[in-house]
């Protein structure tokens, strides 16, 4: 019985710890503001949803700045469906 409680407690703690890691990663992403200076040396990825209709979506760009630090910024843009409309 004690072993089961210890195992469940360990699993719960691991789950809580992984949740806080995900929260910390998403907190590093900042929303873009018009005129905000960006120091981009290299773009790592651009992630965005792919809706079938023309609409405004939120994209996320992950990049490395000139000091080698990895950063992320979110911004609004038209979906790729707008190009064919």
PDB file of N, CA and C in Angstrom:
ATOM      1  N   UNK A   1       0.818  -1.186   0.000  1.00  0.00           N
ATOM      2  CA  UNK A   1       0.000   0.000   0.000  1.00  0.00           C
ATOM      3  C   UNK A   1       0.868   1.259   0.000  1.00  0.00           C
ATOM      4  N   UNK A   2       1.915   1.302   0.843  1.00  0.00           N
ATOM      5  CA  UNK A   2       2.797   2.460   0.894  1.00  0.00           C
ATOM      6  C   UNK A   2       3.518   2.667  -0.434  1.00  0.00           C
ATOM      7  N   UNK A   3       3.914   1.567  -1.065  1.00  0.00           N
ATOM      8  CA  UNK A   3       4.627   1.656  -2.334  1.00  0.00           C
ATOM      9  C   UNK A   3       3.730   2.291  -3.404  1.00  0.00           C
ATOM     10  N   UNK A   4       2.453   1.940  -3.418  1.00  0.00           N
ATOM     11  CA  UNK A   4       1.519   2.520  -4.384  1.00  0.00           C
ATOM     12  C   UNK A   4       1.363   4.022  -4.162  1.00  0.00           C
ATOM     13  N   UNK A   5       1.307   4.447  -2.921  1.00  0.00           N
ATOM     14  CA  UNK A   5       1.168   5.871  -2.606  1.00  0.00           C
ATOM     15  C   UNK A   5       2.422   6.627  -3.037  1.00  0.00           C
ATOM     16  N   UNK A   6       3.581   6.053  -2.769  1.00  0.00           N
ATOM     17  CA  UNK A   6       4.839   6.692  -3.163  1.00  0.00           C
ATOM     18  C   UNK A   6       4.920   6.793  -4.686  1.00  0.00           C
ATOM     19  N   UNK A   7       4.524   5.745  -5.386  1.00  0.00           N
ATOM     20  CA  UNK A   7       4.564   5.747  -6.847  1.00  0.00           C
ATOM     21  C   UNK A   7       3.619   6.806  -7.402  1.00  0.00           C
ATOM     22  N   UNK A   8       2.400   6.872  -6.887  1.00  0.00           N
ATOM     23  CA  UNK A   8       1.428   7.862  -7.359  1.00  0.00           C
ATOM     24  C   UNK A   8       1.901   9.281  -7.054  1.00  0.00           C
ATOM     25  N   UNK A   9       2.475   9.471  -5.889  1.00  0.00           N
ATOM     26  CA  UNK A   9       2.983  10.794  -5.522  1.00  0.00           C
ATOM     27  C   UNK A   9       4.117  11.200  -6.460  1.00  0.00           C
ATOM     28  N   UNK A  10       5.002  10.257  -6.775  1.00  0.00           N
ATOM     29  CA  UNK A  10       6.108  10.530  -7.697  1.00  0.00           C
ATOM     30  C   UNK A  10       5.603  10.890  -9.084  1.00  0.00           C
ATOM     31  N   UNK A  11       4.591  10.162  -9.551  1.00  0.00           N
ATOM     32  CA  UNK A  11       4.026  10.462 -10.868  1.00  0.00           C
ATOM     33  C   UNK A  11       3.349  11.827 -10.881  1.00  0.00           C
ATOM     34  N   UNK A  12       2.656  12.155  -9.816  1.00  0.00           N
ATOM     35  CA  UNK A  12       1.998  13.452  -9.718  1.00  0.00           C
ATOM     36  C   UNK A  12       3.030  14.583  -9.717  1.00  0.00           C
ATOM     37  N   UNK A  13       4.099  14.417  -8.969  1.00  0.00           N
ATOM     38  CA  UNK A  13       5.147  15.436  -8.923  1.00  0.00           C
ATOM     39  C   UNK A  13       5.816  15.596 -10.289  1.00  0.00           C
ATOM     40  N   UNK A  14       6.043  14.487 -10.983  1.00  0.00           N
ATOM     41  CA  UNK A  14       6.639  14.553 -12.321  1.00  0.00           C
ATOM     42  C   UNK A  14       5.715  15.282 -13.290  1.00  0.00           C
ATOM     43  N   UNK A  15       4.420  15.016 -13.192  1.00  0.00           N
ATOM     44  CA  UNK A  15       3.447  15.690 -14.048  1.00  0.00           C
ATOM     45  C   UNK A  15       3.410  17.185 -13.765  1.00  0.00           C
ATOM     46  N   UNK A  16       3.406  17.555 -12.504  1.00  0.00           N
ATOM     47  CA  UNK A  16       3.400  18.974 -12.147  1.00  0.00           C
ATOM     48  C   UNK A  16       4.672  19.669 -12.605  1.00  0.00           C
ATOM     49  N   UNK A  17       5.789  18.990 -12.471  1.00  0.00           N
ATOM     50  CA  UNK A  17       7.063  19.582 -12.893  1.00  0.00           C
ATOM     51  C   UNK A  17       7.096  19.787 -14.405  1.00  0.00           C
ATOM     52  N   UNK A  18       6.595  18.827 -15.165  1.00  0.00           N
ATOM     53  CA  UNK A  18       6.598  18.977 -16.621  1.00  0.00           C
ATOM     54  C   UNK A  18       5.665  20.090 -17.049  1.00  0.00           C
ATOM     55  N   UNK A  19       4.562  20.285 -16.349  1.00  0.00           N
ATOM     56  CA  UNK A  19       3.648  21.379 -16.656  1.00  0.00           C
ATOM     57  C   UNK A  19       4.294  22.723 -16.442  1.00  0.00           C
ATOM     58  N   UNK A  20       5.085  22.864 -15.393  1.00  0.00           N
ATOM     59  CA  UNK A  20       5.746  24.142 -15.135  1.00  0.00           C
ATOM     60  C   UNK A  20       6.836  24.413 -16.160  1.00  0.00           C
ATOM     61  N   UNK A  21       7.454  23.368 -16.701  1.00  0.00           N
ATOM     62  CA  UNK A  21       8.448  23.546 -17.758  1.00  0.00           C
ATOM     63  C   UNK A  21       7.774  24.092 -19.000  1.00  0.00           C
ATOM     64  N   UNK A  22       6.609  23.541 -19.359  1.00  0.00           N
ATOM     65  CA  UNK A  22       5.891  24.040 -20.527  1.00  0.00           C
ATOM     66  C   UNK A  22       5.442  25.477 -20.309  1.00  0.00           C
ATOM     67  N   UNK A  23       5.019  25.805 -19.120  1.00  0.00           N
ATOM     68  CA  UNK A  23       4.598  27.174 -18.830  1.00  0.00           C
ATOM     69  C   UNK A  23       5.776  28.132 -18.952  1.00  0.00           C
ATOM     70  N   UNK A  24       6.945  27.707 -18.508  1.00  0.00           N
ATOM     71  CA  UNK A  24       8.122  28.564 -18.598  1.00  0.00           C
ATOM     72  C   UNK A  24       8.515  28.788 -20.052  1.00  0.00           C
ATOM     73  N   UNK A  25       8.410  27.765 -20.894  1.00  0.00           N
ATOM     74  CA  UNK A  25       8.755  27.920 -22.304  1.00  0.00           C
ATOM     75  C   UNK A  25       7.811  28.875 -23.000  1.00  0.00           C
ATOM     76  N   UNK A  26       6.517  28.779 -22.711  1.00  0.00           N
ATOM     77  CA  UNK A  26       5.573  29.669 -23.372  1.00  0.00           C
ATOM     78  C   UNK A  26       5.697  31.095 -22.846  1.00  0.00           C
ATOM     79  N   UNK A  27       6.166  31.274 -21.629  1.00  0.00           N
ATOM     80  CA  UNK A  27       6.330  32.613 -21.076  1.00  0.00           C
ATOM     81  C   UNK A  27       7.473  33.353 -21.765  1.00  0.00           C
ATOM     82  N   UNK A  28       8.410  32.635 -22.377  1.00  0.00           N
ATOM     83  CA  UNK A  28       9.527  33.257 -23.076  1.00  0.00           C
ATOM     84  C   UNK A  28       9.085  33.905 -24.385  1.00  0.00           C
ATOM     85  N   UNK A  29       7.953  33.504 -24.924  1.00  0.00           N
ATOM     86  CA  UNK A  29       7.448  34.056 -26.170  1.00  0.00           C
ATOM     87  C   UNK A  29       6.759  35.382 -25.891  1.00  0.00           C
ATOM     88  N   UNK A  30       7.168  36.414 -26.616  1.00  0.00           N
ATOM     89  CA  UNK A  30       6.576  37.732 -26.418  1.00  0.00           C
ATOM     90  C   UNK A  30       5.754  38.110 -27.652  1.00  0.00           C
ATOM     91  N   UNK A  31       4.652  38.820 -27.451  1.00  0.00           N
ATOM     92  CA  UNK A  31       3.879  39.285 -28.607  1.00  0.00           C
ATOM     93  C   UNK A  31       4.566  40.480 -29.261  1.00  0.00           C
ATOM     94  N   UNK A  32       4.568  40.506 -30.584  1.00  0.00           N
ATOM     95  CA  UNK A  32       5.179  41.612 -31.313  1.00  0.00           C
ATOM     96  C   UNK A  32       4.317  42.861 -31.183  1.00  0.00           C
ATOM     97  N   UNK A  33       4.967  43.990 -30.965  1.00  0.00           N
ATOM     98  CA  UNK A  33       4.308  45.298 -30.955  1.00  0.00           C
ATOM     99  C   UNK A  33       4.874  46.098 -32.128  1.00  0.00           C
ATOM    100  N   UNK A  34       4.044  46.882 -32.770  1.00  0.00           N
ATOM    101  CA  UNK A  34       4.486  47.700 -33.899  1.00  0.00           C
ATOM    102  C   UNK A  34       5.666  48.574 -33.481  1.00  0.00           C
ATOM    103  N   UNK A  35       6.727  48.522 -34.260  1.00  0.00           N
ATOM    104  CA  UNK A  35       7.916  49.316 -33.981  1.00  0.00           C
ATOM    105  C   UNK A  35       8.896  48.654 -33.035  1.00  0.00           C
ATOM    106  N   UNK A  36       8.562  47.476 -32.544  1.00  0.00           N
ATOM    107  CA  UNK A  36       9.435  46.767 -31.602  1.00  0.00           C
ATOM    108  C   UNK A  36      10.715  46.331 -32.331  1.00  0.00           C
ATOM    109  N   UNK A  37      11.885  46.686 -31.800  1.00  0.00           N
ATOM    110  CA  UNK A  37      13.117  46.282 -32.465  1.00  0.00           C
ATOM    111  C   UNK A  37      13.369  44.776 -32.306  1.00  0.00           C
ATOM    112  N   UNK A  38      13.708  44.125 -33.397  1.00  0.00           N
ATOM    113  CA  UNK A  38      14.029  42.695 -33.370  1.00  0.00           C
ATOM    114  C   UNK A  38      15.476  42.524 -33.804  1.00  0.00           C
ATOM    115  N   UNK A  39      16.233  41.781 -33.045  1.00  0.00           N
ATOM    116  CA  UNK A  39      17.646  41.513 -33.322  1.00  0.00           C
ATOM    117  C   UNK A  39      17.738  40.072 -33.805  1.00  0.00           C
ATOM    118  N   UNK A  40      17.495  39.846 -35.094  1.00  0.00           N
ATOM    119  CA  UNK A  40      17.427  38.488 -35.638  1.00  0.00           C
ATOM    120  C   UNK A  40      18.690  38.183 -36.429  1.00  0.00           C
ATOM    121  N   UNK A  41      19.447  37.191 -35.964  1.00  0.00           N
ATOM    122  CA  UNK A  41      20.623  36.735 -36.700  1.00  0.00           C
ATOM    123  C   UNK A  41      20.262  35.547 -37.593  1.00  0.00           C
ATOM    124  N   UNK A  42      19.368  34.660 -37.070  1.00  0.00           N
ATOM    125  CA  UNK A  42      18.990  33.461 -37.822  1.00  0.00           C
ATOM    126  C   UNK A  42      17.607  33.005 -37.370  1.00  0.00           C
ATOM    127  N   UNK A  43      16.727  32.745 -38.330  1.00  0.00           N
ATOM    128  CA  UNK A  43      15.400  32.225 -38.017  1.00  0.00           C
ATOM    129  C   UNK A  43      15.490  30.711 -37.895  1.00  0.00           C
ATOM    130  N   UNK A  44      14.978  30.177 -36.791  1.00  0.00           N
ATOM    131  CA  UNK A  44      14.965  28.727 -36.567  1.00  0.00           C
ATOM    132  C   UNK A  44      13.702  28.121 -37.147  1.00  0.00           C
ATOM    133  N   UNK A  45      12.540  28.713 -36.819  1.00  0.00           N
ATOM    134  CA  UNK A  45      11.281  28.176 -37.334  1.00  0.00           C
ATOM    135  C   UNK A  45      10.194  29.235 -37.294  1.00  0.00           C
ATOM    136  N   UNK A  46       9.191  29.024 -38.144  1.00  0.00           N
ATOM    137  CA  UNK A  46       7.968  29.822 -38.123  1.00  0.00           C
ATOM    138  C   UNK A  46       6.826  28.832 -38.073  1.00  0.00           C
ATOM    139  N   UNK A  47       6.049  28.893 -37.007  1.00  0.00           N
ATOM    140  CA  UNK A  47       4.920  27.985 -36.807  1.00  0.00           C
ATOM    141  C   UNK A  47       3.632  28.778 -36.903  1.00  0.00           C
ATOM    142  N   UNK A  48       2.670  28.237 -37.661  1.00  0.00           N
ATOM    143  CA  UNK A  48       1.385  28.894 -37.794  1.00  0.00           C
ATOM    144  C   UNK A  48       0.313  27.873 -38.133  1.00  0.00           C
ATOM    145  N   UNK A  49      -0.933  28.147 -37.714  1.00  0.00           N
ATOM    146  CA  UNK A  49      -2.020  27.250 -38.092  1.00  0.00           C
ATOM    147  C   UNK A  49      -2.293  27.384 -39.593  1.00  0.00           C
ATOM    148  N   UNK A  50      -2.952  26.407 -40.167  1.00  0.00           N
ATOM    149  CA  UNK A  50      -3.227  26.417 -41.597  1.00  0.00           C
ATOM    150  C   UNK A  50      -4.728  26.282 -41.838  1.00  0.00           C
ATOM    151  N   UNK A  51      -5.511  27.347 -41.562  1.00  0.00           N
ATOM    152  CA  UNK A  51      -6.951  27.255 -41.781  1.00  0.00           C
ATOM    153  C   UNK A  51      -7.280  27.239 -43.273  1.00  0.00           C
ATOM    154  N   UNK A  52      -8.445  26.726 -43.601  1.00  0.00           N
ATOM    155  CA  UNK A  52      -8.869  26.638 -44.995  1.00  0.00           C
ATOM    156  C   UNK A  52      -9.520  27.923 -45.491  1.00  0.00           C
ATOM    157  N   UNK A  53      -9.824  28.830 -44.582  1.00  0.00           N
ATOM    158  CA  UNK A  53     -10.454  30.095 -44.961  1.00  0.00           C
ATOM    159  C   UNK A  53      -9.484  31.250 -44.744  1.00  0.00           C
ATOM    160  N   UNK A  54      -9.752  32.334 -45.447  1.00  0.00           N
ATOM    161  CA  UNK A  54      -8.930  33.537 -45.294  1.00  0.00           C
ATOM    162  C   UNK A  54      -9.286  34.201 -43.972  1.00  0.00           C
ATOM    163  N   UNK A  55      -8.323  34.289 -43.077  1.00  0.00           N
ATOM    164  CA  UNK A  55      -8.543  34.900 -41.770  1.00  0.00           C
ATOM    165  C   UNK A  55      -7.219  35.344 -41.176  1.00  0.00           C
ATOM    166  N   UNK A  56      -7.287  36.138 -40.124  1.00  0.00           N
ATOM    167  CA  UNK A  56      -6.096  36.566 -39.404  1.00  0.00           C
ATOM    168  C   UNK A  56      -5.720  35.475 -38.404  1.00  0.00           C
ATOM    169  N   UNK A  57      -4.442  35.087 -38.430  1.00  0.00           N
ATOM    170  CA  UNK A  57      -3.962  34.025 -37.548  1.00  0.00           C
ATOM    171  C   UNK A  57      -2.793  34.537 -36.724  1.00  0.00           C
ATOM    172  N   UNK A  58      -2.457  33.787 -35.677  1.00  0.00           N
ATOM    173  CA  UNK A  58      -1.289  34.122 -34.867  1.00  0.00           C
ATOM    174  C   UNK A  58      -0.164  33.154 -35.220  1.00  0.00           C
ATOM    175  N   UNK A  59       0.960  33.696 -35.666  1.00  0.00           N
ATOM    176  CA  UNK A  59       2.126  32.899 -36.003  1.00  0.00           C
ATOM    177  C   UNK A  59       3.189  33.086 -34.920  1.00  0.00           C
ATOM    178  N   UNK A  60       4.102  32.139 -34.832  1.00  0.00           N
ATOM    179  CA  UNK A  60       5.187  32.206 -33.852  1.00  0.00           C
ATOM    180  C   UNK A  60       6.512  32.003 -34.583  1.00  0.00           C
ATOM    181  N   UNK A  61       7.416  32.957 -34.423  1.00  0.00           N
ATOM    182  CA  UNK A  61       8.748  32.844 -35.006  1.00  0.00           C
ATOM    183  C   UNK A  61       9.756  32.618 -33.886  1.00  0.00           C
ATOM    184  N   UNK A  62      10.563  31.575 -34.046  1.00  0.00           N
ATOM    185  CA  UNK A  62      11.653  31.287 -33.120  1.00  0.00           C
ATOM    186  C   UNK A  62      12.947  31.628 -33.844  1.00  0.00           C
ATOM    187  N   UNK A  63      13.804  32.375 -33.180  1.00  0.00           N
ATOM    188  CA  UNK A  63      15.022  32.841 -33.828  1.00  0.00           C
ATOM    189  C   UNK A  63      16.172  32.933 -32.829  1.00  0.00           C
ATOM    190  N   UNK A  64      17.371  33.145 -33.365  1.00  0.00           N
ATOM    191  CA  UNK A  64      18.572  33.376 -32.562  1.00  0.00           C
ATOM    192  C   UNK A  64      19.002  34.810 -32.818  1.00  0.00           C
ATOM    193  N   UNK A  65      19.270  35.561 -31.741  1.00  0.00           N
ATOM    194  CA  UNK A  65      19.717  36.945 -31.916  1.00  0.00           C
ATOM    195  C   UNK A  65      21.228  36.993 -32.120  1.00  0.00           C
ATOM    196  N   UNK A  66      21.777  38.187 -32.305  1.00  0.00           N
ATOM    197  CA  UNK A  66      23.209  38.316 -32.609  1.00  0.00           C
ATOM    198  C   UNK A  66      24.110  37.927 -31.442  1.00  0.00           C
ATOM    199  N   UNK A  67      23.561  37.846 -30.236  1.00  0.00           N
ATOM    200  CA  UNK A  67      24.368  37.384 -29.104  1.00  0.00           C
ATOM    201  C   UNK A  67      24.246  35.879 -28.889  1.00  0.00           C
ATOM    202  N   UNK A  68      23.506  35.186 -29.780  1.00  0.00           N
ATOM    203  CA  UNK A  68      23.390  33.733 -29.700  1.00  0.00           C
ATOM    204  C   UNK A  68      22.251  33.239 -28.829  1.00  0.00           C
ATOM    205  N   UNK A  69      21.412  34.140 -28.338  1.00  0.00           N
ATOM    206  CA  UNK A  69      20.303  33.764 -27.466  1.00  0.00           C
ATOM    207  C   UNK A  69      19.073  33.399 -28.298  1.00  0.00           C
ATOM    208  N   UNK A  70      18.425  32.293 -27.942  1.00  0.00           N
ATOM    209  CA  UNK A  70      17.228  31.830 -28.641  1.00  0.00           C
ATOM    210  C   UNK A  70      16.015  32.579 -28.095  1.00  0.00           C
ATOM    211  N   UNK A  71      15.192  33.149 -28.989  1.00  0.00           N
ATOM    212  CA  UNK A  71      14.016  33.917 -28.593  1.00  0.00           C
ATOM    213  C   UNK A  71      12.834  33.548 -29.485  1.00  0.00           C
ATOM    214  N   UNK A  72      11.635  33.897 -29.017  1.00  0.00           N
ATOM    215  CA  UNK A  72      10.418  33.667 -29.787  1.00  0.00           C
ATOM    216  C   UNK A  72       9.528  34.883 -29.716  1.00  0.00           C
ATOM    217  N   UNK A  73       8.824  35.141 -30.811  1.00  0.00           N
ATOM    218  CA  UNK A  73       7.884  36.247 -30.867  1.00  0.00           C
ATOM    219  C   UNK A  73       6.640  35.771 -31.620  1.00  0.00           C
ATOM    220  N   UNK A  74       5.464  36.199 -31.152  1.00  0.00           N
ATOM    221  CA  UNK A  74       4.232  35.893 -31.858  1.00  0.00           C
ATOM    222  C   UNK A  74       3.767  37.159 -32.574  1.00  0.00           C
ATOM    223  N   UNK A  75       3.070  36.957 -33.684  1.00  0.00           N
ATOM    224  CA  UNK A  75       2.577  38.099 -34.456  1.00  0.00           C
ATOM    225  C   UNK A  75       1.338  37.676 -35.231  1.00  0.00           C
ATOM    226  N   UNK A  76       0.552  38.662 -35.643  1.00  0.00           N
ATOM    227  CA  UNK A  76      -0.651  38.399 -36.410  1.00  0.00           C
ATOM    228  C   UNK A  76      -0.365  38.559 -37.890  1.00  0.00           C
ATOM    229  N   UNK A  77      -0.985  37.708 -38.708  1.00  0.00           N
ATOM    230  CA  UNK A  77      -0.813  37.769 -40.158  1.00  0.00           C
ATOM    231  C   UNK A  77      -2.007  37.128 -40.829  1.00  0.00           C
ATOM    232  N   UNK A  78      -2.146  37.334 -42.136  1.00  0.00           N
ATOM    233  CA  UNK A  78      -3.197  36.680 -42.892  1.00  0.00           C
ATOM    234  C   UNK A  78      -2.799  35.228 -43.139  1.00  0.00           C
ATOM    235  N   UNK A  79      -3.769  34.338 -43.130  1.00  0.00           N
ATOM    236  CA  UNK A  79      -3.480  32.935 -43.396  1.00  0.00           C
ATOM    237  C   UNK A  79      -3.111  32.746 -44.864  1.00  0.00           C
ATOM    238  N   UNK A  80      -2.482  31.643 -45.188  1.00  0.00           N
ATOM    239  CA  UNK A  80      -2.077  31.389 -46.570  1.00  0.00           C
ATOM    240  C   UNK A  80      -3.273  31.214 -47.485  1.00  0.00           C
ATOM    241  N   UNK A  81      -4.440  30.931 -46.947  1.00  0.00           N
ATOM    242  CA  UNK A  81      -5.656  30.801 -47.761  1.00  0.00           C
ATOM    243  C   UNK A  81      -6.040  32.143 -48.391  1.00  0.00           C
ATOM    244  N   UNK A  82      -5.574  33.243 -47.818  1.00  0.00           N
ATOM    245  CA  UNK A  82      -5.901  34.569 -48.360  1.00  0.00           C
ATOM    246  C   UNK A  82      -5.206  34.820 -49.685  1.00  0.00           C
ATOM    247  N   UNK A  83      -4.077  34.185 -49.921  1.00  0.00           N
ATOM    248  CA  UNK A  83      -3.313  34.385 -51.145  1.00  0.00           C
ATOM    249  C   UNK A  83      -4.057  33.838 -52.364  1.00  0.00           C
ATOM    250  N   UNK A  84      -4.850  32.818 -52.173  1.00  0.00           N
ATOM    251  CA  UNK A  84      -5.564  32.214 -53.306  1.00  0.00           C
ATOM    252  C   UNK A  84      -6.976  32.774 -53.457  1.00  0.00           C
ATOM    253  N   UNK A  85      -7.343  33.738 -52.597  1.00  0.00           N
ATOM    254  CA  UNK A  85      -8.700  34.311 -52.668  1.00  0.00           C
ATOM    255  C   UNK A  85      -8.757  35.471 -53.622  1.00  0.00           C
TER     256      UNK A  85
END
